[in-house]
């Protein structure tokens, strides 16, 4: 049976550890997307400002969440 771990020859435990490292970024990106949706509807943005908002906020939210997570765990 095909799996991501077998295609990269990683052990399942190692794959889990690898994916857990992305959880703070994904949570922050989701939060950034929700803020972008809220601001877009609140300010009734269209066109380029809306595009910039949806491009930047998820990335910034993910980066901030990942940074905070690393600092709390002591992995500076």
Protein backbone atom coordinates (compact mmCIF):
# COMPACT_ATOMS: atom_id res chain seq x y z
CA UNK A 1 0.00 0.00 0.00
CA UNK A 2 1.30 3.45 -0.94
CA UNK A 3 1.87 6.09 1.69
CA UNK A 4 3.82 9.30 1.99
CA UNK A 5 6.17 7.74 4.52
CA UNK A 6 6.96 4.78 2.26
CA UNK A 7 7.64 6.97 -0.76
CA UNK A 8 10.23 8.96 1.19
CA UNK A 9 11.37 5.90 3.15
CA UNK A 10 10.54 7.54 6.48
CA UNK A 11 9.39 5.65 9.50
CA UNK A 12 5.82 6.52 10.60
CA UNK A 13 7.06 8.02 13.87
CA UNK A 14 9.49 10.25 12.01
CA UNK A 15 6.72 11.35 9.63
CA UNK A 16 4.51 12.27 12.58
CA UNK A 17 7.28 14.34 14.12
CA UNK A 18 7.88 16.07 10.80
CA UNK A 19 4.21 16.95 10.38
CA UNK A 20 3.84 18.14 13.98
CA UNK A 21 6.43 20.79 13.24
CA UNK A 22 4.06 22.35 10.70
CA UNK A 23 1.05 22.55 13.02
CA UNK A 24 1.83 26.01 14.49
CA UNK A 25 2.33 27.44 11.00
CA UNK A 26 -0.90 25.90 9.72
CA UNK A 27 -2.86 27.17 12.73
CA UNK A 28 -1.47 30.68 12.24
CA UNK A 29 -2.19 30.60 8.52
CA UNK A 30 -5.77 29.54 9.22
CA UNK A 31 -6.13 32.36 11.75
CA UNK A 32 -4.69 34.81 9.22
CA UNK A 33 -7.14 33.61 6.58
CA UNK A 34 -10.07 34.08 8.96
CA UNK A 35 -8.89 37.60 9.81
CA UNK A 36 -8.52 38.35 6.10
CA UNK A 37 -12.08 37.16 5.42
CA UNK A 38 -13.38 39.22 8.33
CA UNK A 39 -11.54 42.40 7.31
CA UNK A 40 -12.46 41.97 3.68
CA UNK A 41 -16.15 41.72 4.49
CA UNK A 42 -16.00 44.47 7.13
CA UNK A 43 -14.23 46.95 4.85
CA UNK A 44 -15.95 45.68 1.66
CA UNK A 45 -12.62 45.44 -0.12
CA UNK A 46 -12.42 44.41 -3.76
CA UNK A 47 -9.67 44.12 -6.34
CA UNK A 48 -6.02 44.61 -5.48
CA UNK A 49 -6.42 45.53 -1.78
CA UNK A 50 -8.41 42.34 -1.21
CA UNK A 51 -5.81 40.29 -3.08
CA UNK A 52 -2.98 41.77 -1.01
CA UNK A 53 -4.92 41.13 2.19
CA UNK A 54 -5.53 37.49 1.30
CA UNK A 55 -1.91 37.03 0.24
CA UNK A 56 -0.22 38.61 3.25
CA UNK A 57 -2.31 37.84 6.32
CA UNK A 58 -2.15 34.02 6.16
CA UNK A 59 1.61 34.12 5.60
CA UNK A 60 2.20 36.63 8.38
CA UNK A 61 -0.15 34.77 10.73
CA UNK A 62 1.65 31.49 10.07
CA UNK A 63 5.07 33.04 10.58
CA UNK A 64 4.08 34.73 13.83
CA UNK A 65 2.45 31.58 15.22
CA UNK A 66 5.49 29.50 14.30
CA UNK A 67 7.85 32.02 15.90
CA UNK A 68 5.82 32.15 19.11
CA UNK A 69 5.68 28.37 19.24
CA UNK A 70 9.45 28.09 18.82
CA UNK A 71 10.12 30.65 21.53
CA UNK A 72 7.80 28.92 24.00
CA UNK A 73 9.46 25.58 23.41
CA UNK A 74 12.92 27.11 23.80
CA UNK A 75 14.10 26.31 20.27
CA UNK A 76 14.93 29.96 19.43
